[in-house]
Protein backbone atom coordinates (compact mmCIF):
# COMPACT_ATOMS: atom_id res chain seq x y z
CA MET A 1 -16.80 -24.52 -39.50
CA ALA A 2 -14.10 -26.78 -38.05
CA ASP A 3 -11.49 -24.30 -39.33
CA ASP A 4 -13.08 -21.51 -37.30
CA ILE A 5 -12.92 -23.54 -34.10
CA ASP A 6 -9.29 -24.53 -34.70
CA ARG A 7 -8.25 -20.98 -35.53
CA ASP A 8 -10.07 -19.58 -32.49
CA THR A 9 -8.44 -22.17 -30.28
CA HIS A 10 -5.02 -21.43 -31.77
CA ASP A 11 -5.50 -17.67 -31.32
CA HIS A 12 -6.64 -18.25 -27.76
CA ASP A 13 -3.66 -20.49 -27.08
CA MET A 14 -1.29 -17.85 -28.46
CA THR A 15 -2.40 -15.42 -25.74
CA TYR A 16 -0.62 -17.67 -23.22
CA GLU A 17 2.68 -17.89 -25.07
CA ASN A 18 4.52 -15.36 -22.89
CA GLU A 19 3.35 -16.66 -19.54
CA LEU A 20 6.38 -18.89 -19.10
CA LYS A 21 8.77 -16.09 -20.00
CA VAL A 22 8.32 -14.00 -16.87
CA ASP A 23 10.79 -11.16 -16.55
CA THR A 24 12.23 -11.34 -13.04
CA SER A 25 14.62 -8.42 -13.49
CA PRO A 26 12.62 -6.01 -11.28
CA MET A 27 12.83 -8.48 -8.39
CA VAL A 28 15.30 -7.83 -5.60
CA ARG A 29 16.88 -10.51 -3.48
CA ILE A 30 17.67 -9.77 0.14
CA SER A 31 18.87 -11.92 2.99
CA ILE A 32 16.55 -13.19 5.70
CA LYS A 33 18.36 -10.93 8.18
CA GLU A 34 17.66 -7.85 6.03
CA TYR A 35 14.05 -8.94 5.54
CA ASP A 36 13.54 -9.33 9.30
CA ALA A 37 15.02 -5.87 9.90
CA LEU A 38 12.70 -4.32 7.29
CA ARG A 39 9.69 -6.17 8.70
CA ASP A 40 10.47 -4.97 12.22
CA GLN A 41 10.92 -1.43 10.96
CA ALA A 42 7.53 -1.58 9.22
CA LYS A 43 5.85 -2.88 12.39
CA GLU A 44 7.39 -0.05 14.39
CA ALA A 45 6.34 2.55 11.80
CA GLY A 46 2.74 1.38 12.12
CA LYS A 47 2.68 2.54 15.74
CA TYR A 48 3.30 6.18 14.88
CA ILE A 49 1.72 8.77 12.61
CA THR A 50 4.33 9.94 10.14
CA ASP A 51 2.25 11.37 7.31
CA PRO A 52 2.77 15.17 7.23
CA SER A 53 -0.80 15.88 6.13
CA LEU A 54 -2.24 13.85 9.03
CA ILE A 55 0.11 15.56 11.46
CA SER A 56 -1.09 18.93 10.17
CA ILE A 57 -4.73 17.94 10.66
CA ILE A 58 -4.04 16.75 14.21
CA ASP A 59 -2.23 20.00 15.01
CA LYS A 60 -5.18 21.99 13.70
CA LEU A 61 -7.60 19.91 15.81
CA GLU A 62 -5.46 20.57 18.86
CA GLU A 63 -5.50 24.30 18.13
CA LEU A 64 -9.28 24.32 17.69
CA THR A 65 -9.78 22.33 20.88
CA ARG A 66 -7.71 24.84 22.86
CA ALA A 67 -9.77 27.68 21.39
CA LEU A 68 -13.03 25.96 22.34
CA ARG A 69 -11.85 25.24 25.88
CA LYS A 70 -11.59 28.98 26.50
CA HIS A 71 -15.36 29.22 26.07
CA ILE A 72 -16.33 26.36 28.37
CA VAL A 73 -18.05 27.45 31.56
CA ARG A 74 -18.58 24.63 34.02
CA LYS A 75 -21.10 25.17 36.78
CA TYR A 76 -20.93 22.72 39.65
């Protein structure tokens, strides 16, 4: 029974063997100046709607609103 525990522990330990060998090749290094420019650009992009599908929906809402306004009769 002691062999089973040792083997299970060894097998479990082997699952961690590649954790120290992290491949950093997909990482990109940029300067602080470039990072700040990208961060500012992202902040600015958050202020505007740029997604074409959302723009299309908003345009359609505007069109429908104009059509509905033609049928509004206000009595004062």
